[in-house]
Protein backbone atom coordinates (compact mmCIF):
# COMPACT_ATOMS: atom_id res chain seq x y z
CA MET A 1 0.00 0.00 0.00
CA THR A 2 1.39 3.40 -0.98
CA SER A 3 2.01 5.73 1.97
CA GLN A 4 0.67 9.27 2.13
CA VAL A 5 4.22 10.63 1.87
CA GLU A 6 4.90 8.66 -1.30
CA ARG A 7 1.60 9.79 -2.81
CA ARG A 8 2.66 13.41 -2.35
CA TRP A 9 5.90 12.69 -4.20
CA ALA A 10 3.97 10.89 -6.93
CA ASP A 11 1.97 14.03 -7.67
CA ARG A 12 5.23 15.91 -8.26
CA LEU A 13 6.71 13.20 -10.47
CA ALA A 14 3.74 12.64 -12.74
CA ALA A 15 4.47 15.41 -15.24
CA LEU A 16 8.25 15.30 -15.49
CA PRO A 17 9.82 15.32 -18.97
CA ALA A 18 11.48 12.06 -19.97
CA PHE A 19 15.16 11.39 -19.42
CA ASP A 20 16.61 10.17 -22.73
CA THR A 21 19.08 7.28 -22.39
CA ASP A 22 19.86 7.17 -26.13
CA GLY A 23 23.01 8.49 -27.72
CA TYR A 24 25.52 8.11 -24.91
CA ARG A 25 28.81 6.35 -25.58
CA ARG A 26 30.38 6.07 -22.10
CA ALA A 27 28.47 6.71 -18.88
CA VAL A 28 30.23 6.77 -15.52
CA ALA A 29 28.07 6.57 -12.41
CA VAL A 30 29.63 7.73 -9.16
CA ALA A 31 28.36 6.65 -5.74
CA ALA A 32 29.36 7.58 -2.22
CA HIS A 33 28.55 4.08 -0.93
CA PRO A 34 27.85 0.73 -2.59
CA ASP A 35 24.07 0.54 -3.20
CA ASP A 36 23.49 4.27 -3.92
CA GLU A 37 23.73 3.66 -7.68
CA THR A 38 21.23 0.79 -7.56
CA LEU A 39 18.72 2.64 -5.38
CA GLY A 40 18.87 5.88 -7.32
CA ILE A 41 19.48 4.91 -10.95
CA GLY A 42 19.53 1.12 -11.25
CA GLY A 43 16.90 1.19 -14.00
CA CYS A 44 18.64 4.02 -15.83
CA LEU A 45 21.96 2.16 -15.79
CA GLN A 46 20.25 -0.92 -17.21
CA ALA A 47 18.69 1.13 -20.01
CA LEU A 48 22.00 2.79 -20.88
CA HIS A 49 23.70 -0.61 -20.91
CA ASP A 50 20.96 -2.16 -23.05
CA ASN A 51 21.38 0.71 -25.53
CA GLY A 52 25.02 -0.23 -26.05
CA CYS A 53 26.53 2.43 -23.81
CA GLN A 54 29.67 1.48 -21.90
CA VAL A 55 28.69 1.77 -18.23
CA GLU A 56 31.25 2.12 -15.45
CA LEU A 57 30.90 2.71 -11.73
CA VAL A 58 33.05 4.59 -9.23
CA VAL A 59 32.43 3.95 -5.51
CA ALA A 60 34.05 6.41 -3.13
CA SER A 61 33.83 4.34 0.06
CA ASP A 62 33.27 0.71 1.01
CA GLY A 63 30.26 1.64 3.15
CA GLU A 64 31.95 0.20 6.22
CA ALA A 65 30.55 2.83 8.62
CA ALA A 66 26.88 2.01 8.06
CA PHE A 67 26.69 0.90 11.69
CA PRO A 68 28.85 3.32 13.74
CA GLN A 69 28.91 1.03 16.79
CA LEU A 70 31.03 -1.57 14.98
CA GLY A 71 34.69 -1.95 15.88
CA GLN A 72 37.54 -1.66 13.37
CA ARG A 73 37.64 -5.35 12.51
CA GLU A 74 33.87 -5.59 12.09
CA ARG A 75 33.89 -2.49 9.88
CA ALA A 76 36.49 -4.05 7.60
CA GLU A 77 34.36 -7.19 7.37
CA LEU A 78 31.28 -5.12 6.53
CA GLY A 79 33.23 -3.29 3.82
CA ARG A 80 34.24 -6.58 2.20
CA ARG A 81 30.68 -7.83 2.49
CA ARG A 82 29.37 -4.75 0.71
CA TRP A 83 31.85 -5.30 -2.12
CA ASP A 84 30.37 -8.75 -2.61
CA GLU A 85 26.82 -7.42 -2.37
CA LEU A 86 27.49 -4.84 -5.06
CA THR A 87 28.97 -7.47 -7.36
CA GLU A 88 25.90 -9.64 -6.91
CA SER A 89 23.54 -6.68 -7.33
CA LEU A 90 25.13 -5.73 -10.66
CA ARG A 91 24.90 -9.34 -11.82
CA ARG A 92 21.19 -9.48 -11.00
CA GLN A 93 20.59 -6.27 -12.95
CA GLY A 94 22.33 -7.53 -16.08
CA LEU A 95 25.28 -5.24 -15.37
CA GLY A 96 27.79 -7.92 -14.48
CA ASP A 97 30.33 -6.62 -17.01
CA THR A 98 30.38 -3.16 -15.43
CA ALA A 99 33.86 -2.03 -14.43
CA VAL A 100 33.84 -0.92 -10.77
CA HIS A 101 36.48 1.51 -9.50
CA TRP A 102 36.77 1.45 -5.70
CA LEU A 103 38.38 4.54 -4.16
CA GLY A 104 38.45 3.02 -0.65
CA LEU A 105 38.01 6.33 1.18
CA PRO A 106 36.48 6.52 4.68
CA ASP A 107 32.73 6.07 4.86
CA SER A 108 31.10 9.02 6.67
CA GLY A 109 34.36 10.94 6.24
CA LEU A 110 34.32 11.78 2.54
CA THR A 111 34.01 15.51 3.17
CA GLN A 112 37.60 15.49 4.48
CA HIS A 113 38.78 13.79 1.27
CA ALA A 114 37.16 15.99 -1.38
CA ASP A 115 40.49 16.82 -3.02
CA ASP A 116 41.42 13.13 -3.26
CA ILE A 117 38.04 12.27 -4.76
CA THR A 118 38.24 15.09 -7.31
CA ALA A 119 41.76 14.12 -8.35
CA ALA A 120 40.77 10.47 -8.86
CA LEU A 121 37.64 11.42 -10.77
CA ARG A 122 39.45 13.68 -13.22
CA GLU A 123 41.18 10.63 -14.63
CA LEU A 124 38.22 8.26 -14.40
CA LEU A 125 35.76 10.69 -16.03
CA GLU A 126 38.13 11.98 -18.69
CA ASP A 127 36.43 10.31 -21.67
CA ALA A 128 32.86 10.12 -20.33
CA ASP A 129 30.03 11.83 -22.19
CA CYS A 130 27.55 11.11 -19.36
CA CYS A 131 28.31 11.55 -15.65
CA LEU A 132 25.78 10.31 -13.10
CA LEU A 133 26.39 11.65 -9.62
CA PRO A 134 24.80 11.94 -6.19
CA TRP A 135 22.59 15.01 -5.93
CA PRO A 136 24.92 17.76 -4.64
CA ARG A 137 22.23 19.02 -2.25
CA ASP A 138 21.53 15.61 -0.77
CA PRO A 139 21.13 15.87 3.03
CA HIS A 140 23.82 13.19 3.56
CA PRO A 141 27.22 14.96 3.61
CA ASP A 142 28.99 12.04 1.88
CA HIS A 143 26.56 12.22 -1.03
CA SER A 144 26.76 16.00 -1.25
CA THR A 145 30.56 15.94 -1.21
CA VAL A 146 30.84 13.33 -3.95
CA GLY A 147 28.31 15.17 -6.08
CA HIS A 148 30.30 18.40 -5.90
CA CYS A 149 33.53 16.52 -6.64
CA VAL A 150 32.04 15.05 -9.82
CA LEU A 151 30.95 18.48 -11.01
CA SER A 152 34.47 19.78 -10.41
CA ALA A 153 36.10 16.87 -12.24
CA ALA A 154 33.72 16.20 -15.13
CA PRO A 155 34.93 17.14 -18.61
CA VAL A 156 33.24 20.12 -20.23
CA THR A 157 31.89 17.81 -22.96
CA ALA A 158 29.98 15.54 -20.53
CA HIS A 159 26.31 15.77 -19.66
CA CYS A 160 25.97 15.70 -15.86
CA TRP A 161 22.91 14.19 -14.17
CA SER A 162 22.41 13.81 -10.43
CA TYR A 163 20.26 11.34 -8.55
CA PRO A 164 18.79 11.93 -5.07
CA ILE A 165 18.85 9.33 -2.29
CA TRP A 166 18.08 10.74 1.14
CA MET A 167 16.18 13.68 -0.31
CA TRP A 168 13.14 11.43 -0.55
CA HIS A 169 13.27 10.64 3.17
CA TRP A 170 14.60 13.83 4.74
CA THR A 171 13.31 16.66 2.50
CA ALA A 172 9.74 17.83 1.92
CA GLU A 173 8.48 17.59 -1.65
CA ASN A 174 7.72 21.33 -1.73
CA SER A 175 11.17 22.38 -0.49
CA ALA A 176 12.75 25.27 -2.38
CA GLU A 177 15.99 23.26 -2.32
CA ILE A 178 14.67 20.84 -4.93
CA PRO A 179 15.39 22.01 -8.50
CA TRP A 180 12.16 20.77 -10.07
CA ARG A 181 12.80 22.85 -13.19
CA HIS A 182 15.77 20.62 -13.96
CA ALA A 183 14.09 17.34 -13.01
CA TYR A 184 13.53 14.50 -15.48
CA GLY A 185 11.83 11.15 -15.06
CA HIS A 186 13.05 7.79 -16.32
CA GLU A 187 10.29 5.22 -16.70
CA LEU A 188 11.42 1.67 -15.96
CA THR A 189 10.27 -1.21 -18.11
CA ALA A 190 8.73 -4.13 -16.23
CA ASN A 191 11.95 -6.11 -16.77
CA HIS A 192 14.18 -3.30 -15.53
CA ARG A 193 11.97 -2.76 -12.51
CA HIS A 194 12.10 -6.46 -11.67
CA ARG A 195 15.89 -6.57 -12.06
CA LYS A 196 16.34 -3.42 -10.00
CA ALA A 197 14.28 -4.91 -7.17
CA ALA A 198 16.44 -8.01 -7.32
CA GLY A 199 19.54 -5.81 -7.27
CA ILE A 200 18.34 -3.95 -4.18
CA GLY A 201 17.66 -7.31 -2.56
CA ALA A 202 21.33 -8.22 -2.87
CA PHE A 203 22.31 -5.60 -0.28
CA VAL A 204 21.34 -7.82 2.64
CA SER A 205 23.57 -5.98 5.12
CA GLN A 206 21.49 -2.84 4.58
CA LEU A 207 18.12 -4.60 4.64
CA GLU A 208 18.50 -6.73 7.77
CA ARG A 209 18.57 -5.51 11.35
CA GLY A 210 21.98 -4.40 12.50
CA PRO A 211 24.19 -4.99 15.53
CA GLY A 212 22.29 -5.05 18.81
CA ASP A 213 19.09 -5.52 16.81
CA CYS A 214 19.16 -1.91 15.62
CA ASP A 215 16.96 -0.79 12.72
CA PRO A 216 18.11 -1.58 9.19
CA ILE A 217 19.72 1.17 7.14
CA LEU A 218 17.03 0.72 4.48
CA PRO A 219 13.69 0.17 6.26
CA ALA A 220 10.44 -0.25 4.36
CA ASP A 221 9.53 3.46 4.41
CA VAL A 222 12.85 4.33 2.73
CA LEU A 223 12.72 1.49 0.22
CA GLU A 224 9.26 2.60 -0.87
CA HIS A 225 10.86 5.52 -2.71
CA PHE A 226 13.10 3.19 -4.73
CA HIS A 227 10.56 0.58 -5.75
CA ARG A 228 8.74 3.02 -8.00
CA ASP A 229 8.24 2.45 -11.70
CA SER A 230 10.30 5.57 -12.42
CA GLU A 231 13.51 7.26 -11.32
CA VAL A 232 14.31 10.96 -11.07
CA LEU A 233 17.43 12.69 -12.35
CA PHE A 234 18.35 16.36 -12.09
CA ARG A 235 20.30 17.97 -14.87
CA GLU A 236 23.33 19.63 -13.33
CA PRO A 237 24.21 22.78 -15.29
CA ARG A 238 27.75 24.10 -15.53
CA ARG A 239 28.50 26.64 -12.81
CA THR A 240 30.86 28.73 -14.96
CA SER A 241 30.73 30.06 -18.49
CA THR A 242 31.95 27.67 -21.16
CA PRO A 243 35.71 28.23 -21.46
CA LEU A 244 37.01 29.80 -24.64
CA ALA A 245 39.33 26.82 -25.06
CA ARG A 246 36.29 24.60 -25.71
CA PHE A 247 35.24 26.67 -28.73
CA GLU A 248 38.82 26.92 -29.96
CA ALA A 249 39.04 23.12 -29.81
CA LEU A 250 35.90 22.79 -31.92
CA TYR A 251 37.39 25.00 -34.64
CA GLU A 252 40.59 22.93 -34.57
CA VAL A 253 38.56 19.84 -35.43
CA SER A 254 36.29 21.47 -38.03
CA LYS A 255 36.38 24.68 -40.06
CA ASP A 256 32.59 24.94 -39.55
CA PRO A 257 31.74 23.16 -36.27
CA TRP A 258 28.01 23.93 -36.42
CA HIS A 259 27.63 23.44 -40.19
CA THR A 260 26.30 26.97 -40.55
CA ALA A 261 26.75 26.91 -44.32
CA ASP A 262 24.96 23.68 -45.20
CA SER A 263 22.69 22.42 -42.40
CA TRP A 264 18.94 22.79 -42.83
CA TYR A 265 18.63 23.78 -39.16
CA GLU A 266 20.97 26.74 -39.60
CA ARG A 267 19.53 27.87 -42.93
CA ARG A 268 15.94 27.58 -41.73
CA LYS A 269 16.73 29.36 -38.45
CA ARG A 270 18.32 32.30 -40.26
CA ALA A 271 15.39 32.56 -42.66
CA ILE A 272 12.84 32.66 -39.84
CA LEU A 273 14.93 35.14 -37.86
CA LEU A 274 15.19 37.50 -40.82
CA ALA A 275 11.47 37.18 -41.51
CA ALA A 276 10.74 38.01 -37.87
CA LEU A 277 12.63 41.31 -37.91
CA PRO A 278 9.91 43.97 -37.52
CA ARG A 279 11.69 46.52 -39.71
CA GLU A 280 12.77 46.20 -43.29
CA HIS A 281 16.00 48.07 -42.66
CA TYR A 282 18.17 49.01 -39.68
CA ARG A 283 20.85 51.62 -39.21
CA LEU A 284 23.29 49.60 -37.06
CA ALA A 285 23.00 45.89 -36.28
CA VAL A 286 25.21 44.30 -33.59
CA GLU A 287 25.94 40.58 -33.61
CA PRO A 288 28.07 39.18 -30.78
CA ALA A 289 29.51 35.66 -31.11
CA CYS A 290 29.02 35.77 -34.86
CA GLY A 291 31.17 32.71 -35.64
CA LEU A 292 31.94 32.41 -39.33
CA GLY A 293 29.54 35.21 -40.18
CA ALA A 294 26.79 33.33 -42.04
CA LEU A 295 24.08 35.37 -40.31
CA THR A 296 26.25 38.50 -40.38
CA ALA A 297 26.25 38.50 -44.19
CA GLU A 298 22.46 38.29 -44.29
CA LEU A 299 22.04 41.00 -41.65
CA ALA A 300 24.26 43.23 -43.78
CA ALA A 301 21.56 43.21 -46.48
CA ARG A 302 19.09 44.58 -43.91
CA ALA A 303 21.29 47.23 -42.26
CA ASP A 304 23.51 50.16 -43.17
CA ARG A 305 26.25 48.69 -41.02
CA VAL A 306 26.86 45.53 -38.97
CA HIS A 307 29.15 45.42 -35.95
CA ALA A 308 30.04 41.74 -35.54
CA PHE A 309 32.54 40.15 -33.19
CA ASP A 310 33.62 36.74 -31.91
CA ALA A 311 35.96 35.42 -29.22
CA VAL A 312 37.56 32.62 -31.28
CA PRO A 313 40.51 33.84 -33.36
CA ALA A 314 40.10 31.05 -35.94
CA ALA A 315 36.46 32.04 -36.51
CA VAL A 316 37.39 35.71 -36.87
CA ARG A 317 40.11 34.92 -39.41
CA ALA A 318 37.79 32.67 -41.42
CA ALA A 319 35.01 35.27 -41.44
CA ARG A 320 37.38 37.94 -42.64
CA ARG A 321 38.63 35.72 -45.46
CA SER A 322 35.06 35.40 -46.69
CA GLY A 323 34.71 39.17 -46.78
CA ILE A 324 32.90 39.68 -43.44
CA THR A 325 33.97 42.61 -41.30
CA VAL A 326 34.40 41.18 -37.80
CA THR A 327 36.46 42.01 -34.72
CA GLU A 328 37.77 39.84 -31.90
CA ALA A 329 36.17 40.30 -28.47
CA VAL A 330 35.01 38.17 -25.54
CA LEU A 331 31.58 38.68 -24.01
CA PRO A 332 30.38 40.60 -22.09
CA LEU A 333 32.73 43.04 -23.86
CA GLY A 334 32.76 43.93 -27.56
CA PHE A 335 29.65 46.12 -27.89
CA PRO A 336 30.18 49.39 -29.79
CA ASP A 337 30.00 52.78 -28.12
CA GLU A 338 27.49 53.96 -30.74
CA PRO A 339 23.81 53.12 -30.00
CA ALA A 340 22.38 50.39 -32.22
CA ASP A 341 18.82 49.81 -33.35
CA LEU A 342 19.25 46.02 -33.63
CA VAL A 343 21.14 43.49 -31.45
CA VAL A 344 21.05 39.78 -32.29
CA LEU A 345 22.10 37.22 -29.63
CA SER A 346 22.21 33.88 -31.41
CA GLU A 347 23.29 30.55 -29.88
CA ILE A 348 25.38 32.18 -27.15
CA LEU A 349 23.43 33.03 -23.98
CA TYR A 350 23.16 29.46 -22.70
CA TYR A 351 26.95 29.20 -22.61
CA LEU A 352 27.19 32.07 -20.12
CA ALA A 353 27.06 31.73 -16.35
CA ASP A 354 24.87 34.14 -14.40
CA GLU A 355 27.35 36.99 -14.01
CA ASP A 356 28.50 36.94 -17.63
CA LEU A 357 24.94 36.58 -18.93
CA ASN A 358 23.66 39.49 -16.85
CA LYS A 359 26.55 41.73 -17.90
CA THR A 360 26.07 40.77 -21.54
CA VAL A 361 22.37 41.60 -21.41
CA ASP A 362 23.13 44.83 -19.53
CA ASN A 363 25.55 45.88 -22.27
CA ALA A 364 23.16 44.85 -25.04
CA ILE A 365 20.30 46.87 -23.55
CA THR A 366 22.51 49.86 -22.74
CA GLY A 367 23.78 49.88 -26.31
CA LEU A 368 20.29 49.64 -27.79
CA GLU A 369 18.45 52.87 -28.52
CA SER A 370 14.87 53.38 -27.39
CA GLY A 371 12.62 51.56 -29.85
CA GLY A 372 15.48 49.30 -30.95
CA ASP A 373 15.03 45.55 -31.30
CA LEU A 374 16.79 42.76 -29.41
CA VAL A 375 16.56 39.33 -31.05
CA LEU A 376 17.25 36.09 -29.18
CA VAL A 377 17.47 32.72 -30.98
CA HIS A 378 18.76 29.48 -29.48
CA TRP A 379 18.65 25.72 -30.00
CA ARG A 380 16.18 24.12 -27.60
CA ARG A 381 18.31 21.11 -26.70
CA TRP A 382 20.77 21.39 -23.81
CA ALA A 383 24.41 21.21 -24.89
CA PRO A 384 26.76 19.59 -22.35
CA GLU A 385 28.84 22.77 -22.17
CA ALA A 386 25.82 24.95 -21.39
CA THR A 387 24.81 26.56 -18.11
CA ARG A 388 21.11 26.52 -18.98
CA ASP A 389 18.71 25.82 -21.83
CA ALA A 390 17.19 28.22 -24.35
CA ALA A 391 13.91 28.61 -22.44
CA GLU A 392 15.61 29.67 -19.22
CA ALA A 393 17.96 32.07 -21.00
CA HIS A 394 15.12 33.73 -22.90
CA GLU A 395 12.97 34.00 -19.78
CA LEU A 396 15.75 35.80 -17.93
CA VAL A 397 16.12 38.36 -20.73
CA ALA A 398 12.41 38.79 -21.44
CA ALA A 399 11.82 39.58 -17.75
CA ARG A 400 13.96 42.71 -17.97
CA PRO A 401 11.74 45.78 -17.40
CA GLU A 402 13.48 47.73 -20.16
CA LEU A 403 12.10 45.33 -22.76
CA ARG A 404 8.72 44.28 -24.09
CA THR A 405 8.05 41.19 -26.17
CA LEU A 406 6.97 41.66 -29.79
CA ILE A 407 7.34 38.14 -31.24
CA THR A 408 7.69 34.65 -29.82
CA HIS A 409 8.44 31.67 -32.06
CA ARG A 410 8.82 28.20 -30.62
CA ASP A 411 9.20 24.97 -32.54
CA GLU A 412 10.82 21.60 -31.92
CA GLU A 413 14.28 22.87 -32.87
CA PHE A 414 14.73 26.42 -31.62
CA LEU A 415 13.25 29.30 -29.65
CA LEU A 416 13.14 32.86 -31.02
CA HIS A 417 12.10 36.12 -29.33
CA VAL A 418 12.01 39.66 -30.65
CA LEU A 419 12.06 42.20 -27.81
CA ARG A 420 11.86 45.98 -28.11
CA ARG A 421 13.65 48.51 -25.92
CA ARG A 422 11.10 50.74 -24.17
């Protein structure tokens, strides 16, 4: 029978967007203790594995301090037992070929070893395109510490997803601490749910009563949250703006990393953007982060002058070779002193952390004359390097009191807004 507490959670979980397990090449799940990964994301790991993704697991501690009253010898025995339980749990879930990296750090003392964890993870996560980590706000300090260490160590090219454990038991469903905006649900198939339950059952040391007949670590009211037919993951955005080196690396690999010249997405997006411009002609158009200048050239046909700039030297050189006038500058800098009547921010805002984004928008609005137009257009998917998605970036800008919304265009590929300076 479902408890009243679990029913309240169920109401929150019913409308979550789906977590997509397709497309990942190498996923590394990190756990503070053996069993966290099975409780939080056992079904997700099975789905990734079934899709052909290479799944690996990093466990920070042996979980030897689950029962604090145990002596040193008994703790060592419990740690070895939990190794065996994890091996059996993975086998039951069809994950028996998963490589497990044991860090062997002190259970309930991981906060004092954050630097060691981060250093180890930098090597273990180096080639991962998906990092699964304990929710950094989890009430258990071991979980919180490991979550923050993963975010510090993860490569810029990896998608980071966190999974809560003790949140379900120690935090109210309406707590402001829970980032519901970034929450996604993963529905388990009947087979995955059955295998996950079997995997949880392998952790006998956590399910049975402990020394002195104390309560189990995982009593029925805690397990109820992990026997659902879905799991919850929070997207963990980057905390800092995407480093310039990431964009420079993309241009080293390809002369046109985003296929601006030949992709239907780029050509269609530019056509819709140009059609959405309220005026036939502008005096001065400003285009930060212009890349190779594909849009710049088309804006030039609609304006007396275009002030375009980009932070990547290779992009600036390539744009100039094609006849585009472009300067080199890093946001939030680069805006001209002269007031403009059009500013276009395309595919850039979601790469900026809060401070850089706010300063960029400040400079764009300051440099826009009264009655001038500010255009935002961004891909709706969330790039691994990004600090937010298009919807959140556009909402932050559209909420500025200096602006009013003229046009909103939303389709499955991109989001476009035309805002006018009051």
